[in-house]
Amino acid sequence: SGKAVKNLKVEDGDISLDIELGYPAKSQID
């Protein structure tokens, strides 16, 4: 709902995606 999910790809059970935050959060990323 926060529209942070980008570039979602699902292939044979493998999942790749990006989470794009609208604020700086270097300490929170991990």
PDB file of all heavy atoms in Angstrom:
ATOM      1  N   SER A   1       0.833  -1.213   0.000  1.00  0.00           N
ATOM      2  CA  SER A   1       0.000   0.000   0.000  1.00  0.00           C
ATOM      3  C   SER A   1       0.864   1.259   0.000  1.00  0.00           C
ATOM      4  O   SER A   1       0.442   2.315  -0.465  1.00  0.00           O
ATOM      5  CB  SER A   1      -0.948   0.008   1.207  1.00  0.00           C
ATOM      6  OG  SER A   1      -0.220   0.113   2.410  1.00  0.00           O
ATOM      7  N   GLY A   2       2.100   1.142   0.514  1.00  0.00           N
ATOM      8  CA  GLY A   2       3.033   2.269   0.491  1.00  0.00           C
ATOM      9  C   GLY A   2       3.704   2.454  -0.857  1.00  0.00           C
ATOM     10  O   GLY A   2       4.536   3.352  -1.029  1.00  0.00           O
ATOM     11  N   LYS A   3       3.363   1.568  -1.832  1.00  0.00           N
ATOM     12  CA  LYS A   3       3.889   1.633  -3.206  1.00  0.00           C
ATOM     13  C   LYS A   3       5.416   1.598  -3.252  1.00  0.00           C
ATOM     14  O   LYS A   3       6.054   2.264  -4.073  1.00  0.00           O
ATOM     15  CB  LYS A   3       3.367   2.876  -3.930  1.00  0.00           C
ATOM     16  CG  LYS A   3       1.846   2.866  -4.080  1.00  0.00           C
ATOM     17  CD  LYS A   3       1.342   4.089  -4.799  1.00  0.00           C
ATOM     18  CE  LYS A   3      -0.187   4.034  -4.923  1.00  0.00           C
ATOM     19  NZ  LYS A   3      -0.759   5.236  -5.520  1.00  0.00           N
ATOM     20  N   ALA A   4       5.991   0.806  -2.332  1.00  0.00           N
ATOM     21  CA  ALA A   4       7.452   0.705  -2.271  1.00  0.00           C
ATOM     22  C   ALA A   4       7.992  -0.472  -3.080  1.00  0.00           C
ATOM     23  O   ALA A   4       9.193  -0.560  -3.327  1.00  0.00           O
ATOM     24  CB  ALA A   4       7.907   0.572  -0.811  1.00  0.00           C
ATOM     25  N   VAL A   5       7.103  -1.399  -3.498  1.00  0.00           N
ATOM     26  CA  VAL A   5       7.555  -2.597  -4.224  1.00  0.00           C
ATOM     27  C   VAL A   5       7.747  -2.257  -5.705  1.00  0.00           C
ATOM     28  O   VAL A   5       6.828  -1.791  -6.377  1.00  0.00           O
ATOM     29  CB  VAL A   5       6.534  -3.750  -4.069  1.00  0.00           C
ATOM     30  CG1 VAL A   5       7.022  -4.989  -4.820  1.00  0.00           C
ATOM     31  CG2 VAL A   5       6.316  -4.069  -2.598  1.00  0.00           C
ATOM     32  N   LYS A   6       8.955  -2.501  -6.202  1.00  0.00           N
ATOM     33  CA  LYS A   6       9.290  -2.215  -7.604  1.00  0.00           C
ATOM     34  C   LYS A   6       9.950  -3.450  -8.236  1.00  0.00           C
ATOM     35  O   LYS A   6      10.562  -4.273  -7.545  1.00  0.00           O
ATOM     36  CB  LYS A   6      10.278  -1.030  -7.702  1.00  0.00           C
ATOM     37  CG  LYS A   6       9.875   0.216  -6.903  1.00  0.00           C
ATOM     38  CD  LYS A   6       8.750   0.970  -7.555  1.00  0.00           C
ATOM     39  CE  LYS A   6       8.406   2.227  -6.759  1.00  0.00           C
ATOM     40  NZ  LYS A   6       7.266   2.952  -7.297  1.00  0.00           N
ATOM     41  N   ASN A   7       9.848  -3.537  -9.559  1.00  0.00           N
ATOM     42  CA  ASN A   7      10.560  -4.552 -10.361  1.00  0.00           C
ATOM     43  C   ASN A   7      10.342  -5.985  -9.869  1.00  0.00           C
ATOM     44  O   ASN A   7      11.289  -6.778  -9.808  1.00  0.00           O
ATOM     45  CB  ASN A   7      12.076  -4.246 -10.388  1.00  0.00           C
ATOM     46  CG  ASN A   7      12.366  -2.828 -10.809  1.00  0.00           C
ATOM     47  OD1 ASN A   7      11.722  -2.302 -11.718  1.00  0.00           O
ATOM     48  ND2 ASN A   7      13.321  -2.182 -10.151  1.00  0.00           N
ATOM     49  N   LEU A   8       9.120  -6.324  -9.500  1.00  0.00           N
ATOM     50  CA  LEU A   8       8.824  -7.666  -9.001  1.00  0.00           C
ATOM     51  C   LEU A   8       8.854  -8.682 -10.147  1.00  0.00           C
ATOM     52  O   LEU A   8       8.185  -8.513 -11.165  1.00  0.00           O
ATOM     53  CB  LEU A   8       7.446  -7.676  -8.314  1.00  0.00           C
ATOM     54  CG  LEU A   8       6.900  -9.040  -7.875  1.00  0.00           C
ATOM     55  CD1 LEU A   8       7.831  -9.693  -6.870  1.00  0.00           C
ATOM     56  CD2 LEU A   8       5.500  -8.895  -7.287  1.00  0.00           C
ATOM     57  N   LYS A   9       9.637  -9.740  -9.956  1.00  0.00           N
ATOM     58  CA  LYS A   9       9.715 -10.825 -10.950  1.00  0.00           C
ATOM     59  C   LYS A   9       9.622 -12.169 -10.224  1.00  0.00           C
ATOM     60  O   LYS A   9      10.297 -12.371  -9.201  1.00  0.00           O
ATOM     61  CB  LYS A   9      11.040 -10.756 -11.722  1.00  0.00           C
ATOM     62  CG  LYS A   9      11.135  -9.557 -12.660  1.00  0.00           C
ATOM     63  CD  LYS A   9      12.485  -9.497 -13.319  1.00  0.00           C
ATOM     64  CE  LYS A   9      12.645  -8.204 -14.131  1.00  0.00           C
ATOM     65  NZ  LYS A   9      14.024  -8.007 -14.596  1.00  0.00           N
ATOM     66  N   VAL A  10       8.774 -13.029 -10.752  1.00  0.00           N
ATOM     67  CA  VAL A  10       8.620 -14.378 -10.190  1.00  0.00           C
ATOM     68  C   VAL A  10       8.815 -15.388 -11.314  1.00  0.00           C
ATOM     69  O   VAL A  10       8.137 -15.322 -12.343  1.00  0.00           O
ATOM     70  CB  VAL A  10       7.218 -14.562  -9.548  1.00  0.00           C
ATOM     71  CG1 VAL A  10       7.091 -15.954  -8.945  1.00  0.00           C
ATOM     72  CG2 VAL A  10       6.958 -13.501  -8.495  1.00  0.00           C
ATOM     73  N   GLU A  11       9.776 -16.313 -11.115  1.00  0.00           N
ATOM     74  CA  GLU A  11      10.069 -17.286 -12.162  1.00  0.00           C
ATOM     75  C   GLU A  11      10.486 -18.612 -11.535  1.00  0.00           C
ATOM     76  O   GLU A  11      11.511 -18.690 -10.840  1.00  0.00           O
ATOM     77  CB  GLU A  11      11.200 -16.758 -13.061  1.00  0.00           C
ATOM     78  CG  GLU A  11      11.338 -17.528 -14.361  1.00  0.00           C
ATOM     79  CD  GLU A  11      12.365 -16.879 -15.293  1.00  0.00           C
ATOM     80  OE1 GLU A  11      12.532 -15.640 -15.235  1.00  0.00           O
ATOM     81  OE2 GLU A  11      12.982 -17.620 -16.056  1.00  0.00           O
ATOM     82  N   ASP A  12       9.657 -19.656 -11.742  1.00  0.00           N
ATOM     83  CA  ASP A  12       9.935 -21.002 -11.210  1.00  0.00           C
ATOM     84  C   ASP A  12      10.239 -20.980  -9.706  1.00  0.00           C
ATOM     85  O   ASP A  12      11.177 -21.645  -9.232  1.00  0.00           O
ATOM     86  CB  ASP A  12      11.110 -21.652 -11.962  1.00  0.00           C
ATOM     87  CG  ASP A  12      10.803 -21.832 -13.440  1.00  0.00           C
ATOM     88  OD1 ASP A  12       9.617 -22.019 -13.769  1.00  0.00           O
ATOM     89  OD2 ASP A  12      11.739 -21.753 -14.252  1.00  0.00           O
ATOM     90  N   GLY A  13       9.496 -20.188  -8.968  1.00  0.00           N
ATOM     91  CA  GLY A  13       9.686 -20.134  -7.513  1.00  0.00           C
ATOM     92  C   GLY A  13      10.728 -19.130  -7.064  1.00  0.00           C
ATOM     93  O   GLY A  13      10.810 -18.799  -5.879  1.00  0.00           O
ATOM     94  N   ASP A  14      11.572 -18.657  -7.996  1.00  0.00           N
ATOM     95  CA  ASP A  14      12.572 -17.637  -7.650  1.00  0.00           C
ATOM     96  C   ASP A  14      11.905 -16.254  -7.664  1.00  0.00           C
ATOM     97  O   ASP A  14      11.145 -15.942  -8.589  1.00  0.00           O
ATOM     98  CB  ASP A  14      13.745 -17.649  -8.630  1.00  0.00           C
ATOM     99  CG  ASP A  14      14.554 -18.937  -8.534  1.00  0.00           C
ATOM    100  OD1 ASP A  14      14.403 -19.649  -7.520  1.00  0.00           O
ATOM    101  OD2 ASP A  14      15.318 -19.228  -9.470  1.00  0.00           O
ATOM    102  N   ILE A  15      12.215 -15.461  -6.668  1.00  0.00           N
ATOM    103  CA  ILE A  15      11.577 -14.141  -6.519  1.00  0.00           C
ATOM    104  C   ILE A  15      12.650 -13.066  -6.460  1.00  0.00           C
ATOM    105  O   ILE A  15      13.628 -13.187  -5.714  1.00  0.00           O
ATOM    106  CB  ILE A  15      10.738 -14.081  -5.215  1.00  0.00           C
ATOM    107  CG1 ILE A  15       9.711 -15.214  -5.173  1.00  0.00           C
ATOM    108  CG2 ILE A  15      10.041 -12.731  -5.076  1.00  0.00           C
ATOM    109  CD1 ILE A  15       9.096 -15.426  -3.789  1.00  0.00           C
ATOM    110  N   SER A  16      12.470 -12.022  -7.254  1.00  0.00           N
ATOM    111  CA  SER A  16      13.355 -10.855  -7.121  1.00  0.00           C
ATOM    112  C   SER A  16      12.505  -9.589  -7.129  1.00  0.00           C
ATOM    113  O   SER A  16      11.497  -9.513  -7.825  1.00  0.00           O
ATOM    114  CB  SER A  16      14.379 -10.820  -8.267  1.00  0.00           C
ATOM    115  OG  SER A  16      13.743 -10.540  -9.485  1.00  0.00           O
ATOM    116  N   LEU A  17      12.900  -8.640  -6.322  1.00  0.00           N
ATOM    117  CA  LEU A  17      12.168  -7.372  -6.251  1.00  0.00           C
ATOM    118  C   LEU A  17      13.043  -6.311  -5.588  1.00  0.00           C
ATOM    119  O   LEU A  17      14.070  -6.628  -4.976  1.00  0.00           O
ATOM    120  CB  LEU A  17      10.862  -7.538  -5.457  1.00  0.00           C
ATOM    121  CG  LEU A  17      11.004  -7.950  -3.987  1.00  0.00           C
ATOM    122  CD1 LEU A  17      10.818  -6.761  -3.062  1.00  0.00           C
ATOM    123  CD2 LEU A  17       9.997  -9.032  -3.629  1.00  0.00           C
ATOM    124  N   ASP A  18      12.615  -5.082  -5.742  1.00  0.00           N
ATOM    125  CA  ASP A  18      13.274  -3.958  -5.071  1.00  0.00           C
ATOM    126  C   ASP A  18      12.266  -3.295  -4.149  1.00  0.00           C
ATOM    127  O   ASP A  18      11.083  -3.180  -4.485  1.00  0.00           O
ATOM    128  CB  ASP A  18      13.787  -2.932  -6.078  1.00  0.00           C
ATOM    129  CG  ASP A  18      14.914  -3.484  -6.937  1.00  0.00           C
ATOM    130  OD1 ASP A  18      15.757  -4.228  -6.396  1.00  0.00           O
ATOM    131  OD2 ASP A  18      14.939  -3.195  -8.155  1.00  0.00           O
ATOM    132  N   ILE A  19      12.748  -2.866  -3.001  1.00  0.00           N
ATOM    133  CA  ILE A  19      11.956  -2.025  -2.097  1.00  0.00           C
ATOM    134  C   ILE A  19      12.550  -0.621  -2.184  1.00  0.00           C
ATOM    135  O   ILE A  19      13.731  -0.418  -1.877  1.00  0.00           O
ATOM    136  CB  ILE A  19      12.022  -2.527  -0.627  1.00  0.00           C
ATOM    137  CG1 ILE A  19      11.427  -3.941  -0.512  1.00  0.00           C
ATOM    138  CG2 ILE A  19      11.303  -1.554   0.294  1.00  0.00           C
ATOM    139  CD1 ILE A  19       9.938  -4.034  -0.702  1.00  0.00           C
ATOM    140  N   GLU A  20      11.740   0.322  -2.637  1.00  0.00           N
ATOM    141  CA  GLU A  20      12.211   1.702  -2.812  1.00  0.00           C
ATOM    142  C   GLU A  20      11.591   2.591  -1.736  1.00  0.00           C
ATOM    143  O   GLU A  20      10.380   2.811  -1.720  1.00  0.00           O
ATOM    144  CB  GLU A  20      11.835   2.209  -4.198  1.00  0.00           C
ATOM    145  CG  GLU A  20      12.472   3.533  -4.572  1.00  0.00           C
ATOM    146  CD  GLU A  20      12.115   3.940  -5.999  1.00  0.00           C
ATOM    147  OE1 GLU A  20      12.845   3.521  -6.920  1.00  0.00           O
ATOM    148  OE2 GLU A  20      11.092   4.637  -6.167  1.00  0.00           O
ATOM    149  N   LEU A  21      12.416   3.064  -0.826  1.00  0.00           N
ATOM    150  CA  LEU A  21      11.950   3.914   0.277  1.00  0.00           C
ATOM    151  C   LEU A  21      11.991   5.375  -0.159  1.00  0.00           C
ATOM    152  O   LEU A  21      12.871   5.779  -0.916  1.00  0.00           O
ATOM    153  CB  LEU A  21      12.841   3.719   1.512  1.00  0.00           C
ATOM    154  CG  LEU A  21      13.020   2.263   1.985  1.00  0.00           C
ATOM    155  CD1 LEU A  21      14.073   2.197   3.092  1.00  0.00           C
ATOM    156  CD2 LEU A  21      11.703   1.684   2.466  1.00  0.00           C
ATOM    157  N   GLY A  22      11.062   6.163   0.337  1.00  0.00           N
ATOM    158  CA  GLY A  22      11.022   7.574  -0.027  1.00  0.00           C
ATOM    159  C   GLY A  22      11.769   8.466   0.944  1.00  0.00           C
ATOM    160  O   GLY A  22      11.655   9.684   0.899  1.00  0.00           O
ATOM    161  N   TYR A  23      12.545   7.857   1.819  1.00  0.00           N
ATOM    162  CA  TYR A  23      13.279   8.598   2.858  1.00  0.00           C
ATOM    163  C   TYR A  23      14.639   7.932   3.069  1.00  0.00           C
ATOM    164  O   TYR A  23      14.803   6.747   2.773  1.00  0.00           O
ATOM    165  CB  TYR A  23      12.477   8.590   4.167  1.00  0.00           C
ATOM    166  CG  TYR A  23      12.141   7.198   4.651  1.00  0.00           C
ATOM    167  CD1 TYR A  23      13.001   6.495   5.499  1.00  0.00           C
ATOM    168  CD2 TYR A  23      10.982   6.551   4.226  1.00  0.00           C
ATOM    169  CE1 TYR A  23      12.716   5.208   5.903  1.00  0.00           C
ATOM    170  CE2 TYR A  23      10.686   5.257   4.635  1.00  0.00           C
ATOM    171  CZ  TYR A  23      11.554   4.595   5.477  1.00  0.00           C
ATOM    172  OH  TYR A  23      11.279   3.312   5.881  1.00  0.00           O
ATOM    173  N   PRO A  24      15.640   8.665   3.571  1.00  0.00           N
ATOM    174  CA  PRO A  24      16.955   8.053   3.787  1.00  0.00           C
ATOM    175  C   PRO A  24      16.918   7.127   4.998  1.00  0.00           C
ATOM    176  O   PRO A  24      16.359   7.483   6.030  1.00  0.00           O
ATOM    177  CB  PRO A  24      17.874   9.264   4.041  1.00  0.00           C
ATOM    178  CG  PRO A  24      16.962  10.308   4.594  1.00  0.00           C
ATOM    179  CD  PRO A  24      15.620  10.089   3.952  1.00  0.00           C
ATOM    180  N   ALA A  25      17.475   5.936   4.853  1.00  0.00           N
ATOM    181  CA  ALA A  25      17.400   4.968   5.951  1.00  0.00           C
ATOM    182  C   ALA A  25      18.567   3.984   5.905  1.00  0.00           C
ATOM    183  O   ALA A  25      18.385   2.777   5.969  1.00  0.00           O
ATOM    184  CB  ALA A  25      16.074   4.223   5.882  1.00  0.00           C
ATOM    185  N   LYS A  26      19.769   4.523   5.790  1.00  0.00           N
ATOM    186  CA  LYS A  26      20.959   3.676   5.668  1.00  0.00           C
ATOM    187  C   LYS A  26      21.049   2.651   6.802  1.00  0.00           C
ATOM    188  O   LYS A  26      21.376   1.495   6.587  1.00  0.00           O
ATOM    189  CB  LYS A  26      22.195   4.594   5.678  1.00  0.00           C
ATOM    190  CG  LYS A  26      23.453   3.971   5.121  1.00  0.00           C
ATOM    191  CD  LYS A  26      24.517   5.062   5.036  1.00  0.00           C
ATOM    192  CE  LYS A  26      25.848   4.516   4.608  1.00  0.00           C
ATOM    193  NZ  LYS A  26      26.869   5.578   4.600  1.00  0.00           N
ATOM    194  N   SER A  27      20.722   3.093   8.011  1.00  0.00           N
ATOM    195  CA  SER A  27      20.839   2.211   9.176  1.00  0.00           C
ATOM    196  C   SER A  27      19.727   1.163   9.229  1.00  0.00           C
ATOM    197  O   SER A  27      19.805   0.206   9.994  1.00  0.00           O
ATOM    198  CB  SER A  27      20.821   3.039  10.470  1.00  0.00           C
ATOM    199  OG  SER A  27      19.560   3.678  10.621  1.00  0.00           O
ATOM    200  N   GLN A  28      18.669   1.355   8.440  1.00  0.00           N
ATOM    201  CA  GLN A  28      17.512   0.461   8.482  1.00  0.00           C
ATOM    202  C   GLN A  28      17.474  -0.547   7.340  1.00  0.00           C
ATOM    203  O   GLN A  28      16.714  -1.507   7.381  1.00  0.00           O
ATOM    204  CB  GLN A  28      16.221   1.304   8.394  1.00  0.00           C
ATOM    205  CG  GLN A  28      16.198   2.509   9.297  1.00  0.00           C
ATOM    206  CD  GLN A  28      15.605   2.185  10.650  1.00  0.00           C
ATOM    207  OE1 GLN A  28      14.469   1.784  10.742  1.00  0.00           O
ATOM    208  NE2 GLN A  28      16.396   2.356  11.681  1.00  0.00           N
ATOM    209  N   ILE A  29      18.288  -0.308   6.301  1.00  0.00           N
ATOM    210  CA  ILE A  29      18.177  -1.095   5.071  1.00  0.00           C
ATOM    211  C   ILE A  29      18.378  -2.588   5.303  1.00  0.00           C
ATOM    212  O   ILE A  29      17.612  -3.422   4.812  1.00  0.00           O
ATOM    213  CB  ILE A  29      19.144  -0.536   3.997  1.00  0.00           C
ATOM    214  CG1 ILE A  29      18.510   0.715   3.353  1.00  0.00           C
ATOM    215  CG2 ILE A  29      19.479  -1.568   2.937  1.00  0.00           C
ATOM    216  CD1 ILE A  29      19.399   1.459   2.390  1.00  0.00           C
ATOM    217  N   ASP A  30      19.395  -2.958   6.076  1.00  0.00           N
ATOM    218  CA  ASP A  30      19.684  -4.372   6.300  1.00  0.00           C
ATOM    219  C   ASP A  30      18.528  -5.061   7.017  1.00  0.00           C
ATOM    220  O   ASP A  30      18.113  -6.164   6.647  1.00  0.00           O
ATOM    221  CB  ASP A  30      20.984  -4.511   7.104  1.00  0.00           C
ATOM    222  CG  ASP A  30      21.551  -5.914   7.011  1.00  0.00           C
ATOM    223  OD1 ASP A  30      21.522  -6.495   5.906  1.00  0.00           O
ATOM    224  OD2 ASP A  30      21.986  -6.454   8.045  1.00  0.00           O
TER     225      ASP A  30
END
